[in-house]
C-alpha atoms as a PDB file:
ATOM      1  CA  MET A   1     -14.732 -74.150 -36.294  1.00  0.00           C
ATOM      2  CA  LEU A   2     -15.057 -70.546 -37.476  1.00  0.00           C
ATOM      3  CA  THR A   3     -15.283 -67.670 -34.998  1.00  0.00           C
ATOM      4  CA  ASN A   4     -16.217 -64.061 -35.652  1.00  0.00           C
ATOM      5  CA  LYS A   5     -13.471 -61.644 -34.677  1.00  0.00           C
ATOM      6  CA  ILE A   6     -14.640 -58.257 -33.497  1.00  0.00           C
ATOM      7  CA  MET A   7     -12.193 -55.529 -34.407  1.00  0.00           C
ATOM      8  CA  ILE A   8     -11.981 -52.833 -31.725  1.00  0.00           C
ATOM      9  CA  GLY A   9      -9.970 -49.719 -32.362  1.00  0.00           C
ATOM     10  CA  LYS A  10      -7.866 -47.916 -29.788  1.00  0.00           C
ATOM     11  CA  ILE A  11      -8.474 -44.276 -28.979  1.00  0.00           C
ATOM     12  CA  GLU A  12      -5.401 -42.117 -29.414  1.00  0.00           C
ATOM     13  CA  LYS A  13      -4.971 -38.543 -28.231  1.00  0.00           C
ATOM     14  CA  VAL A  14      -4.227 -35.904 -30.841  1.00  0.00           C
ATOM     15  CA  ALA A  15      -2.609 -32.596 -29.951  1.00  0.00           C
ATOM     16  CA  LEU A  16      -5.150 -29.803 -30.426  1.00  0.00           C
ATOM     17  CA  ARG A  17      -2.636 -27.703 -32.355  1.00  0.00           C
ATOM     18  CA  GLU A  18      -2.451 -30.482 -34.948  1.00  0.00           C
ATOM     19  CA  ILE A  19      -6.193 -30.083 -35.553  1.00  0.00           C
ATOM     20  CA  TRP A  20      -6.498 -26.308 -35.242  1.00  0.00           C
ATOM     21  CA  LYS A  21      -3.340 -24.336 -35.945  1.00  0.00           C
ATOM     22  CA  HIS A  22      -4.684 -20.942 -34.874  1.00  0.00           C
ATOM     23  CA  GLU A  23      -7.032 -20.337 -31.955  1.00  0.00           C
ATOM     24  CA  ALA A  24      -9.012 -17.427 -33.430  1.00  0.00           C
ATOM     25  CA  HIS A  25      -8.880 -18.246 -37.157  1.00  0.00           C
ATOM     26  CA  ASP A  26      -9.294 -22.019 -36.978  1.00  0.00           C
ATOM     27  CA  PHE A  27     -10.613 -23.113 -33.571  1.00  0.00           C
ATOM     28  CA  THR A  28     -13.223 -20.382 -33.107  1.00  0.00           C
ATOM     29  CA  THR A  29     -14.327 -20.626 -36.755  1.00  0.00           C
ATOM     30  CA  TRP A  30     -14.822 -24.365 -36.379  1.00  0.00           C
ATOM     31  CA  PHE A  31     -16.903 -23.867 -33.235  1.00  0.00           C
ATOM     32  CA  GLU A  32     -19.059 -21.253 -34.979  1.00  0.00           C
ATOM     33  CA  ASN A  33     -19.953 -23.817 -37.634  1.00  0.00           C
ATOM     34  CA  ASN A  34     -20.305 -26.777 -35.255  1.00  0.00           C
ATOM     35  CA  LEU A  35     -22.267 -25.529 -32.247  1.00  0.00           C
ATOM     36  CA  ASP A  36     -24.144 -28.838 -32.221  1.00  0.00           C
ATOM     37  CA  VAL A  37     -20.991 -30.391 -30.715  1.00  0.00           C
ATOM     38  CA  LEU A  38     -21.341 -28.044 -27.711  1.00  0.00           C
ATOM     39  CA  SER A  39     -25.113 -28.543 -27.543  1.00  0.00           C
ATOM     40  CA  SER A  40     -24.627 -32.307 -27.290  1.00  0.00           C
ATOM     41  CA  VAL A  41     -22.904 -32.015 -23.877  1.00  0.00           C
ATOM     42  CA  LEU A  42     -25.087 -29.206 -22.493  1.00  0.00           C
ATOM     43  CA  ASP A  43     -28.717 -29.188 -21.422  1.00  0.00           C
ATOM     44  CA  PHE A  44     -29.742 -26.614 -24.021  1.00  0.00           C
ATOM     45  CA  LYS A  45     -29.355 -25.931 -27.749  1.00  0.00           C
ATOM     46  CA  LEU A  46     -27.179 -23.157 -29.177  1.00  0.00           C
ATOM     47  CA  VAL A  47     -28.276 -21.169 -32.239  1.00  0.00           C
ATOM     48  CA  ASN A  48     -27.510 -17.957 -34.173  1.00  0.00           C
ATOM     49  CA  PRO A  49     -23.748 -17.740 -33.552  1.00  0.00           C
ATOM     50  CA  ARG A  50     -21.753 -14.568 -34.270  1.00  0.00           C
ATOM     51  CA  ARG A  51     -17.968 -14.808 -34.229  1.00  0.00           C
ATOM     52  CA  GLU A  52     -15.584 -12.179 -32.775  1.00  0.00           C
ATOM     53  CA  HIS A  53     -18.452 -10.014 -31.567  1.00  0.00           C
ATOM     54  CA  GLY A  54     -17.015  -6.657 -30.509  1.00  0.00           C
ATOM     55  CA  THR A  55     -17.512  -4.722 -27.282  1.00  0.00           C
ATOM     56  CA  GLU A  56     -15.788  -1.430 -26.415  1.00  0.00           C
ATOM     57  CA  ASN A  57     -12.382  -2.907 -25.589  1.00  0.00           C
ATOM     58  CA  PHE A  58     -12.745  -6.672 -26.104  1.00  0.00           C
ATOM     59  CA  SER A  59     -13.874  -9.085 -28.753  1.00  0.00           C
ATOM     60  CA  VAL A  60     -15.979 -12.069 -27.657  1.00  0.00           C
ATOM     61  CA  ASP A  61     -15.004 -15.305 -29.432  1.00  0.00           C
ATOM     62  CA  ILE A  62     -18.639 -16.251 -30.099  1.00  0.00           C
ATOM     63  CA  VAL A  63     -21.971 -14.807 -29.068  1.00  0.00           C
ATOM     64  CA  ALA A  64     -24.951 -17.116 -29.580  1.00  0.00           C
ATOM     65  CA  GLU A  65     -28.436 -17.727 -28.205  1.00  0.00           C
ATOM     66  CA  ASP A  66     -29.940 -20.653 -26.346  1.00  0.00           C
ATOM     67  CA  ASP A  67     -33.216 -22.209 -27.422  1.00  0.00           C
ATOM     68  CA  SER A  68     -35.109 -19.726 -25.235  1.00  0.00           C
ATOM     69  CA  GLY A  69     -33.501 -16.716 -26.895  1.00  0.00           C
ATOM     70  CA  ASN A  70     -31.127 -15.864 -24.034  1.00  0.00           C
ATOM     71  CA  ILE A  71     -27.684 -14.504 -24.968  1.00  0.00           C
ATOM     72  CA  VAL A  72     -24.742 -16.884 -24.471  1.00  0.00           C
ATOM     73  CA  VAL A  73     -21.053 -15.921 -24.629  1.00  0.00           C
ATOM     74  CA  ILE A  74     -18.494 -18.560 -25.610  1.00  0.00           C
ATOM     75  CA  GLU A  75     -14.758 -18.277 -25.004  1.00  0.00           C
ATOM     76  CA  ASN A  76     -12.367 -20.864 -26.442  1.00  0.00           C
ATOM     77  CA  GLN A  77      -8.785 -21.759 -25.526  1.00  0.00           C
ATOM     78  CA  LEU A  78      -6.420 -24.251 -27.099  1.00  0.00           C
ATOM     79  CA  GLU A  79      -4.311 -23.976 -23.950  1.00  0.00           C
ATOM     80  CA  LYS A  80      -4.958 -24.484 -20.235  1.00  0.00           C
ATOM     81  CA  SER A  81      -7.318 -22.085 -18.470  1.00  0.00           C
ATOM     82  CA  ASN A  82      -5.876 -18.794 -17.213  1.00  0.00           C
ATOM     83  CA  HIS A  83      -6.912 -15.739 -15.213  1.00  0.00           C
ATOM     84  CA  ASP A  84      -6.982 -13.491 -18.274  1.00  0.00           C
ATOM     85  CA  HIS A  85      -9.695 -15.489 -20.025  1.00  0.00           C
ATOM     86  CA  LEU A  86     -11.741 -15.836 -16.840  1.00  0.00           C
ATOM     87  CA  GLY A  87     -11.705 -12.059 -16.467  1.00  0.00           C
ATOM     88  CA  LYS A  88     -12.699 -11.636 -20.109  1.00  0.00           C
ATOM     89  CA  ILE A  89     -15.684 -13.954 -19.738  1.00  0.00           C
ATOM     90  CA  ILE A  90     -17.029 -11.973 -16.788  1.00  0.00           C
ATOM     91  CA  THR A  91     -16.462  -8.733 -18.721  1.00  0.00           C
ATOM     92  CA  TYR A  92     -18.252 -10.117 -21.794  1.00  0.00           C
ATOM     93  CA  LEU A  93     -21.239 -11.224 -19.707  1.00  0.00           C
ATOM     94  CA  ALA A  94     -21.725  -7.677 -18.420  1.00  0.00           C
ATOM     95  CA  ALA A  95     -20.967  -6.038 -21.785  1.00  0.00           C
ATOM     96  CA  VAL A  96     -23.496  -7.956 -23.888  1.00  0.00           C
ATOM     97  CA  GLY A  97     -26.033  -8.721 -21.140  1.00  0.00           C
ATOM     98  CA  ALA A  98     -25.624 -12.485 -21.417  1.00  0.00           C
ATOM     99  CA  SER A  99     -27.266 -14.967 -19.047  1.00  0.00           C
ATOM    100  CA  LYS A 100     -24.929 -17.872 -19.819  1.00  0.00           C
ATOM    101  CA  ALA A 101     -21.170 -18.250 -20.307  1.00  0.00           C
ATOM    102  CA  ILE A 102     -19.330 -21.207 -21.824  1.00  0.00           C
ATOM    103  CA  TRP A 103     -15.570 -21.553 -21.412  1.00  0.00           C
ATOM    104  CA  VAL A 104     -13.845 -24.274 -23.425  1.00  0.00           C
ATOM    105  CA  VAL A 105     -10.213 -25.080 -22.548  1.00  0.00           C
ATOM    106  CA  SER A 106      -7.703 -27.836 -23.166  1.00  0.00           C
ATOM    107  CA  GLU A 107      -6.854 -28.144 -19.472  1.00  0.00           C
ATOM    108  CA  PRO A 108      -8.993 -26.656 -16.694  1.00  0.00           C
ATOM    109  CA  ARG A 109      -6.868 -25.621 -13.723  1.00  0.00           C
ATOM    110  CA  GLN A 110      -8.155 -26.436 -10.256  1.00  0.00           C
ATOM    111  CA  GLU A 111      -8.400 -22.802  -9.151  1.00  0.00           C
ATOM    112  CA  HIS A 112     -10.598 -22.014 -12.167  1.00  0.00           C
ATOM    113  CA  ILE A 113     -12.854 -25.009 -11.491  1.00  0.00           C
ATOM    114  CA  LYS A 114     -13.398 -23.595  -8.004  1.00  0.00           C
ATOM    115  CA  ALA A 115     -13.912 -20.089  -9.381  1.00  0.00           C
ATOM    116  CA  VAL A 116     -16.582 -21.206 -11.869  1.00  0.00           C
ATOM    117  CA  SER A 117     -18.341 -23.206  -9.135  1.00  0.00           C
ATOM    118  CA  TRP A 118     -18.321 -20.095  -6.937  1.00  0.00           C
ATOM    119  CA  LEU A 119     -19.704 -17.961  -9.778  1.00  0.00           C
ATOM    120  CA  ASN A 120     -22.562 -20.431 -10.222  1.00  0.00           C
ATOM    121  CA  GLU A 121     -23.395 -20.108  -6.529  1.00  0.00           C
ATOM    122  CA  SER A 122     -23.998 -16.380  -7.046  1.00  0.00           C
ATOM    123  CA  GLU A 123     -26.809 -17.081  -9.554  1.00  0.00           C
ATOM    124  CA  LEU A 124     -25.856 -13.905 -11.467  1.00  0.00           C
ATOM    125  CA  ALA A 125     -25.434 -16.061 -14.579  1.00  0.00           C
ATOM    126  CA  GLU A 126     -24.925 -19.694 -15.553  1.00  0.00           C
ATOM    127  CA  PHE A 127     -21.284 -20.700 -16.096  1.00  0.00           C
ATOM    128  CA  TYR A 128     -20.097 -23.796 -17.938  1.00  0.00           C
ATOM    129  CA  LEU A 129     -16.478 -24.953 -17.976  1.00  0.00           C
ATOM    130  CA  LEU A 130     -15.672 -27.642 -20.569  1.00  0.00           C
ATOM    131  CA  LYS A 131     -12.532 -29.561 -21.402  1.00  0.00           C
ATOM    132  CA  ILE A 132     -11.768 -30.278 -25.074  1.00  0.00           C
ATOM    133  CA  GLU A 133      -9.462 -33.033 -26.302  1.00  0.00           C
ATOM    134  CA  GLY A 134      -8.557 -34.295 -29.758  1.00  0.00           C
ATOM    135  CA  ILE A 135      -8.888 -38.022 -30.413  1.00  0.00           C
ATOM    136  CA  ARG A 136      -8.762 -40.499 -33.292  1.00  0.00           C
ATOM    137  CA  ILE A 137      -9.316 -44.224 -33.688  1.00  0.00           C
ATOM    138  CA  GLY A 138      -6.785 -45.937 -35.904  1.00  0.00           C
ATOM    139  CA  ASN A 139      -6.378 -43.940 -39.095  1.00  0.00           C
ATOM    140  CA  SER A 140      -9.623 -41.988 -38.683  1.00  0.00           C
ATOM    141  CA  VAL A 141      -9.780 -38.238 -38.993  1.00  0.00           C
ATOM    142  CA  PRO A 142      -9.372 -36.408 -35.669  1.00  0.00           C
ATOM    143  CA  ALA A 143     -12.507 -35.726 -33.628  1.00  0.00           C
ATOM    144  CA  PRO A 144     -13.230 -33.440 -30.665  1.00  0.00           C
ATOM    145  CA  LEU A 145     -14.063 -34.903 -27.273  1.00  0.00           C
ATOM    146  CA  LEU A 146     -15.869 -32.450 -24.980  1.00  0.00           C
ATOM    147  CA  THR A 147     -16.354 -33.045 -21.255  1.00  0.00           C
ATOM    148  CA  LEU A 148     -18.415 -30.848 -18.963  1.00  0.00           C
ATOM    149  CA  ILE A 149     -16.262 -30.092 -15.900  1.00  0.00           C
ATOM    150  CA  VAL A 150     -18.462 -27.591 -14.060  1.00  0.00           C
ATOM    151  CA  GLY A 151     -21.968 -26.338 -14.708  1.00  0.00           C
ATOM    152  CA  PRO A 152     -24.899 -24.908 -12.751  1.00  0.00           C
ATOM    153  CA  SER A 153     -26.977 -27.319 -10.683  1.00  0.00           C
ATOM    154  CA  GLU A 154     -29.630 -27.252  -7.976  1.00  0.00           C
ATOM    155  CA  GLU A 155     -27.035 -28.380  -5.412  1.00  0.00           C
ATOM    156  CA  VAL A 156     -24.731 -25.500  -6.355  1.00  0.00           C
ATOM    157  CA  ARG A 157     -27.604 -22.998  -6.149  1.00  0.00           C
ATOM    158  CA  GLU A 158     -28.558 -24.316  -2.704  1.00  0.00           C
ATOM    159  CA  ALA A 159     -24.937 -23.998  -1.555  1.00  0.00           C
ATOM    160  CA  GLY A 160     -24.906 -20.406  -2.802  1.00  0.00           C
ATOM    161  CA  GLU A 161     -28.143 -19.623  -0.968  1.00  0.00           C
ATOM    162  CA  THR A 162     -26.727 -21.107   2.240  1.00  0.00           C
ATOM    163  CA  LYS A 163     -23.599 -18.962   1.950  1.00  0.00           C
ATOM    164  CA  LYS A 164     -25.756 -15.897   1.318  1.00  0.00           C
ATOM    165  CA  GLN A 165     -27.742 -16.635   4.466  1.00  0.00           C
ATOM    166  CA  TYR A 166     -24.503 -16.880   6.448  1.00  0.00           C
ATOM    167  CA  ALA A 167     -23.311 -13.564   4.992  1.00  0.00           C
ATOM    168  CA  ASP A 168     -26.654 -11.907   5.825  1.00  0.00           C
ATOM    169  CA  ARG A 169     -26.409 -13.278   9.359  1.00  0.00           C
ATOM    170  CA  HIS A 170     -22.942 -11.755   9.781  1.00  0.00           C
ATOM    171  CA  HIS A 171     -24.151  -8.328   8.616  1.00  0.00           C
ATOM    172  CA  GLU A 172     -27.217  -8.447  10.866  1.00  0.00           C
ATOM    173  CA  ARG A 173     -25.127  -9.320  13.927  1.00  0.00           C
ATOM    174  CA  LYS A 174     -22.581  -6.604  13.177  1.00  0.00           C
ATOM    175  CA  ASP A 175     -25.363  -4.019  12.838  1.00  0.00           C
ATOM    176  CA  PHE A 176     -26.887  -5.155  16.131  1.00  0.00           C
ATOM    177  CA  TRP A 177     -23.543  -4.922  17.966  1.00  0.00           C
ATOM    178  CA  LYS A 178     -23.014  -1.415  16.594  1.00  0.00           C
ATOM    179  CA  LEU A 179     -26.383  -0.336  17.942  1.00  0.00           C
ATOM    180  CA  LEU A 180     -25.767  -1.965  21.338  1.00  0.00           C
ATOM    181  CA  LEU A 181     -22.286  -0.466  21.753  1.00  0.00           C
ATOM    182  CA  ASP A 182     -23.512   2.996  20.754  1.00  0.00           C
ATOM    183  CA  ARG A 183     -26.345   2.795  23.304  1.00  0.00           C
ATOM    184  CA  ALA A 184     -24.010   1.435  25.995  1.00  0.00           C
ATOM    185  CA  LYS A 185     -21.388   4.197  25.816  1.00  0.00           C
ATOM    186  CA  PRO A 186     -23.336   6.805  27.850  1.00  0.00           C
ATOM    187  CA  ARG A 187     -24.139   4.186  30.503  1.00  0.00           C
ATOM    188  CA  THR A 188     -20.967   2.134  31.017  1.00  0.00           C
ATOM    189  CA  ARG A 189     -17.334   2.223  29.937  1.00  0.00           C
ATOM    190  CA  LEU A 190     -16.950  -1.561  30.160  1.00  0.00           C
ATOM    191  CA  HIS A 191     -17.071  -2.229  26.388  1.00  0.00           C
ATOM    192  CA  SER A 192     -16.229   1.274  25.186  1.00  0.00           C
ATOM    193  CA  ASN A 193     -12.948   0.227  23.545  1.00  0.00           C
ATOM    194  CA  ILE A 194     -14.224  -2.630  21.377  1.00  0.00           C
ATOM    195  CA  SER A 195     -15.654  -2.605  17.849  1.00  0.00           C
ATOM    196  CA  PRO A 196     -18.750  -4.314  16.395  1.00  0.00           C
ATOM    197  CA  SER A 197     -18.145  -7.896  15.298  1.00  0.00           C
ATOM    198  CA  MET A 198     -19.816 -10.236  12.816  1.00  0.00           C
ATOM    199  CA  TYR A 199     -19.726 -13.053  15.361  1.00  0.00           C
ATOM    200  CA  ASN A 200     -22.377 -14.077  17.884  1.00  0.00           C
ATOM    201  CA  TRP A 201     -20.467 -12.615  20.835  1.00  0.00           C
ATOM    202  CA  ILE A 202     -18.375  -9.635  21.842  1.00  0.00           C
ATOM    203  CA  GLY A 203     -16.459  -9.249  25.065  1.00  0.00           C
ATOM    204  CA  THR A 204     -13.843  -7.494  27.120  1.00  0.00           C
ATOM    205  CA  SER A 205     -11.599  -8.366  30.034  1.00  0.00           C
ATOM    206  CA  SER A 206     -12.801  -8.105  33.614  1.00  0.00           C
ATOM    207  CA  GLY A 207      -9.304  -6.974  34.573  1.00  0.00           C
ATOM    208  CA  TYR A 208      -8.367 -10.545  35.452  1.00  0.00           C
ATOM    209  CA  ASN A 209      -6.661 -12.298  32.559  1.00  0.00           C
ATOM    210  CA  GLY A 210      -8.884 -14.983  31.063  1.00  0.00           C
ATOM    211  CA  ILE A 211     -12.063 -13.844  32.833  1.00  0.00           C
ATOM    212  CA  ASN A 212     -14.234 -11.789  30.486  1.00  0.00           C
ATOM    213  CA  PHE A 213     -17.549  -9.981  30.458  1.00  0.00           C
ATOM    214  CA  ASN A 214     -19.264 -11.066  27.224  1.00  0.00           C
ATOM    215  CA  TYR A 215     -22.426 -10.253  25.352  1.00  0.00           C
ATOM    216  CA  GLY A 216     -23.960 -13.041  23.254  1.00  0.00           C
ATOM    217  CA  ILE A 217     -26.731 -12.858  20.665  1.00  0.00           C
ATOM    218  CA  GLY A 218     -28.762 -15.557  18.908  1.00  0.00           C
ATOM    219  CA  GLN A 219     -31.509 -15.363  16.327  1.00  0.00           C
ATOM    220  CA  HIS A 220     -34.215 -14.834  18.965  1.00  0.00           C
ATOM    221  CA  ASP A 221     -32.410 -14.542  22.291  1.00  0.00           C
ATOM    222  CA  GLY A 222     -29.376 -12.997  23.935  1.00  0.00           C
ATOM    223  CA  LYS A 223     -27.267 -13.204  27.070  1.00  0.00           C
ATOM    224  CA  VAL A 224     -24.694 -11.476  29.212  1.00  0.00           C
ATOM    225  CA  GLU A 225     -22.066 -13.548  30.981  1.00  0.00           C
ATOM    226  CA  LEU A 226     -18.888 -13.740  32.963  1.00  0.00           C
ATOM    227  CA  TYR A 227     -16.807 -16.266  31.012  1.00  0.00           C
ATOM    228  CA  ILE A 228     -14.062 -17.986  32.999  1.00  0.00           C
ATOM    229  CA  ASP A 229     -11.200 -19.488  30.973  1.00  0.00           C
ATOM    230  CA  HIS A 230      -7.891 -18.397  32.483  1.00  0.00           C
ATOM    231  CA  ASP A 231      -6.613 -21.986  32.764  1.00  0.00           C
ATOM    232  CA  ARG A 232      -5.997 -23.131  29.182  1.00  0.00           C
ATOM    233  CA  GLY A 233      -4.564 -26.458  30.357  1.00  0.00           C
ATOM    234  CA  THR A 234      -6.630 -28.859  32.432  1.00  0.00           C
ATOM    235  CA  GLY A 235      -9.242 -26.244  33.328  1.00  0.00           C
ATOM    236  CA  GLU A 236      -9.000 -27.088  37.036  1.00  0.00           C
ATOM    237  CA  LYS A 237      -8.313 -23.484  38.005  1.00  0.00           C
ATOM    238  CA  ASN A 238     -11.328 -22.356  35.997  1.00  0.00           C
ATOM    239  CA  LEU A 239     -13.499 -24.614  38.146  1.00  0.00           C
ATOM    240  CA  GLU A 240     -11.789 -23.357  41.315  1.00  0.00           C
ATOM    241  CA  THR A 241     -12.559 -19.759  40.319  1.00  0.00           C
ATOM    242  CA  PHE A 242     -16.137 -20.693  39.444  1.00  0.00           C
ATOM    243  CA  ASN A 243     -16.622 -22.450  42.789  1.00  0.00           C
ATOM    244  CA  PHE A 244     -15.193 -19.457  44.653  1.00  0.00           C
ATOM    245  CA  LEU A 245     -17.735 -17.177  42.989  1.00  0.00           C
ATOM    246  CA  LEU A 246     -20.471 -19.767  43.495  1.00  0.00           C
ATOM    247  CA  SER A 247     -19.751 -19.706  47.232  1.00  0.00           C
ATOM    248  CA  HIS A 248     -20.965 -16.074  47.144  1.00  0.00           C
ATOM    249  CA  LYS A 249     -24.026 -16.857  45.010  1.00  0.00           C
ATOM    250  CA  GLU A 250     -26.575 -15.314  47.398  1.00  0.00           C
ATOM    251  CA  GLU A 251     -24.661 -12.023  47.725  1.00  0.00           C
ATOM    252  CA  VAL A 252     -24.002 -11.858  43.976  1.00  0.00           C
ATOM    253  CA  GLU A 253     -27.634 -12.473  43.004  1.00  0.00           C
ATOM    254  CA  ASN A 254     -28.881  -9.985  45.592  1.00  0.00           C
ATOM    255  CA  ALA A 255     -26.568  -7.345  44.134  1.00  0.00           C
ATOM    256  CA  PHE A 256     -27.559  -8.312  40.587  1.00  0.00           C
ATOM    257  CA  GLY A 257     -31.264  -8.090  41.387  1.00  0.00           C
ATOM    258  CA  GLY A 258     -32.339 -11.591  40.433  1.00  0.00           C
ATOM    259  CA  PRO A 259     -31.264 -15.167  39.761  1.00  0.00           C
ATOM    260  CA  LEU A 260     -28.348 -16.046  37.457  1.00  0.00           C
ATOM    261  CA  GLU A 261     -27.410 -19.217  35.618  1.00  0.00           C
ATOM    262  CA  TRP A 262     -24.314 -20.838  37.168  1.00  0.00           C
ATOM    263  CA  GLU A 263     -22.856 -23.165  34.534  1.00  0.00           C
ATOM    264  CA  ASN A 264     -19.684 -25.157  35.119  1.00  0.00           C
ATOM    265  CA  LEU A 265     -20.076 -26.522  31.533  1.00  0.00           C
ATOM    266  CA  GLU A 266     -19.304 -30.172  32.248  1.00  0.00           C
ATOM    267  CA  GLY A 267     -17.102 -31.706  29.574  1.00  0.00           C
ATOM    268  CA  LYS A 268     -15.667 -28.298  28.690  1.00  0.00           C
ATOM    269  CA  ARG A 269     -12.701 -26.394  30.049  1.00  0.00           C
ATOM    270  CA  ALA A 270     -14.472 -23.082  30.709  1.00  0.00           C
ATOM    271  CA  CYS A 271     -17.254 -22.022  33.087  1.00  0.00           C
ATOM    272  CA  ARG A 272     -19.775 -19.183  32.978  1.00  0.00           C
ATOM    273  CA  ILE A 273     -22.200 -17.153  35.037  1.00  0.00           C
ATOM    274  CA  ALA A 274     -24.966 -15.866  32.782  1.00  0.00           C
ATOM    275  CA  LYS A 275     -28.215 -13.981  32.507  1.00  0.00           C
ATOM    276  CA  TYR A 276     -30.313 -14.915  29.473  1.00  0.00           C
ATOM    277  CA  VAL A 277     -32.454 -12.356  27.638  1.00  0.00           C
ATOM    278  CA  THR A 278     -35.479 -13.982  26.006  1.00  0.00           C
ATOM    279  CA  ILE A 279     -37.301 -10.991  24.519  1.00  0.00           C
ATOM    280  CA  GLY A 280     -35.584 -11.397  21.138  1.00  0.00           C
ATOM    281  CA  GLY A 281     -32.373 -11.660  19.116  1.00  0.00           C
ATOM    282  CA  TYR A 282     -30.683 -10.270  16.014  1.00  0.00           C
ATOM    283  CA  ARG A 283     -33.502 -11.494  13.736  1.00  0.00           C
ATOM    284  CA  ASP A 284     -36.043  -9.433  15.731  1.00  0.00           C
ATOM    285  CA  LYS A 285     -34.976  -6.110  14.257  1.00  0.00           C
ATOM    286  CA  ASP A 286     -38.103  -4.269  15.359  1.00  0.00           C
ATOM    287  CA  LYS A 287     -37.095  -4.986  18.996  1.00  0.00           C
ATOM    288  CA  TRP A 288     -33.377  -4.187  18.747  1.00  0.00           C
ATOM    289  CA  ASP A 289     -33.593  -1.069  20.944  1.00  0.00           C
ATOM    290  CA  ILE A 290     -35.456  -2.935  23.693  1.00  0.00           C
ATOM    291  CA  ILE A 291     -33.173  -5.996  23.476  1.00  0.00           C
ATOM    292  CA  ALA A 292     -30.000  -3.903  23.549  1.00  0.00           C
ATOM    293  CA  ASP A 293     -31.195  -1.818  26.513  1.00  0.00           C
ATOM    294  CA  ALA A 294     -32.099  -4.945  28.477  1.00  0.00           C
ATOM    295  CA  MET A 295     -28.715  -6.536  27.776  1.00  0.00           C
ATOM    296  CA  ILE A 296     -26.831  -3.357  28.675  1.00  0.00           C
ATOM    297  CA  GLN A 297     -28.636  -3.065  32.014  1.00  0.00           C
ATOM    298  CA  ASP A 298     -28.011  -6.747  32.767  1.00  0.00           C
ATOM    299  CA  MET A 299     -24.327  -6.266  31.946  1.00  0.00           C
ATOM    300  CA  ILE A 300     -24.078  -3.230  34.247  1.00  0.00           C
ATOM    301  CA  ASN A 301     -25.702  -5.238  37.050  1.00  0.00           C
ATOM    302  CA  LEU A 302     -23.519  -8.292  36.373  1.00  0.00           C
ATOM    303  CA  GLU A 303     -20.302  -6.287  36.511  1.00  0.00           C
ATOM    304  CA  LYS A 304     -21.418  -4.488  39.697  1.00  0.00           C
ATOM    305  CA  SER A 305     -22.384  -7.741  41.447  1.00  0.00           C
ATOM    306  CA  LEU A 306     -19.220  -9.686  40.542  1.00  0.00           C
ATOM    307  CA  ASN A 307     -16.513  -7.011  40.653  1.00  0.00           C
ATOM    308  CA  PRO A 308     -15.905  -7.198  44.433  1.00  0.00           C
ATOM    309  CA  TYR A 309     -15.109 -10.911  44.161  1.00  0.00           C
ATOM    310  CA  ILE A 310     -13.052 -10.540  40.963  1.00  0.00           C
ATOM    311  CA  SER A 311     -11.033  -7.850  42.768  1.00  0.00           C
ATOM    312  CA  LYS A 312     -10.392 -10.342  45.563  1.00  0.00           C
ATOM    313  CA  LEU A 313      -9.155 -12.875  42.961  1.00  0.00           C
ATOM    314  CA  ARG A 314      -6.776 -10.254  41.569  1.00  0.00           C
ATOM    315  CA  SER A 315      -5.418  -9.355  45.016  1.00  0.00           C
ATOM    316  CA  ASP A 316      -4.976 -13.017  45.970  1.00  0.00           C
END
């Protein structure tokens, strides 16, 4: 009985320097004449290549256009990726006004994969990092094998937008704290020695270690609080301190001028006594003056109402 034998070749790796002896003269020249190989692994077509395109101090390996006419810079390496070439690509983008950058290397290093992903998050341009290998099957002529390692995507853009929102949030909070601290200085010395922060709270010691007077700010609300966390172990002493102050609740609230929130924060180590400000937060920029003034006055009242009992804790 006759059977058909299917002959299957084995892929063998070929050193890139055996295919292209010189990076600029051979490798870049080959790419200039074979841009279809790059286009086959990208989501756009490359046309009109120009090799060794000069800028003031650098020479771009290849400048081409995509199928929409946008400028694309291409940088090739027969070796593993390095910082020098990454810097050149960014320089070339700015120098020629390109909207896309393609970086082809024999071995992409992990730090450069992360860097290209981060650059894509910025949306300043589209960055593509590709790995090139040389292969052959049996006695065939060598062939290039290109693999896209990193490229722009909707997920990457969304991640970049999320990071931008976080950065904007940090700047907004820092600006709000600067305004609040500046307005507080003529009225109270309690927070006069602290600096604006990017975080959602700022605070200073009550004079009793681990018991702090804090401001807190959210997107549309704020608060002032006495935060009790001087027992970093079991938290039992925090609760004892809280209960001592709670035993003077009526006197404290009378001195404050209104009700407070007494929170022993079940399941947590710390406790707090707080007054919440609901007229706005750091996103309500048109109300910042009003919000800050309300929080400052509440802080002055909170310190005045609690200080006699904190002094007793210190003396005991």
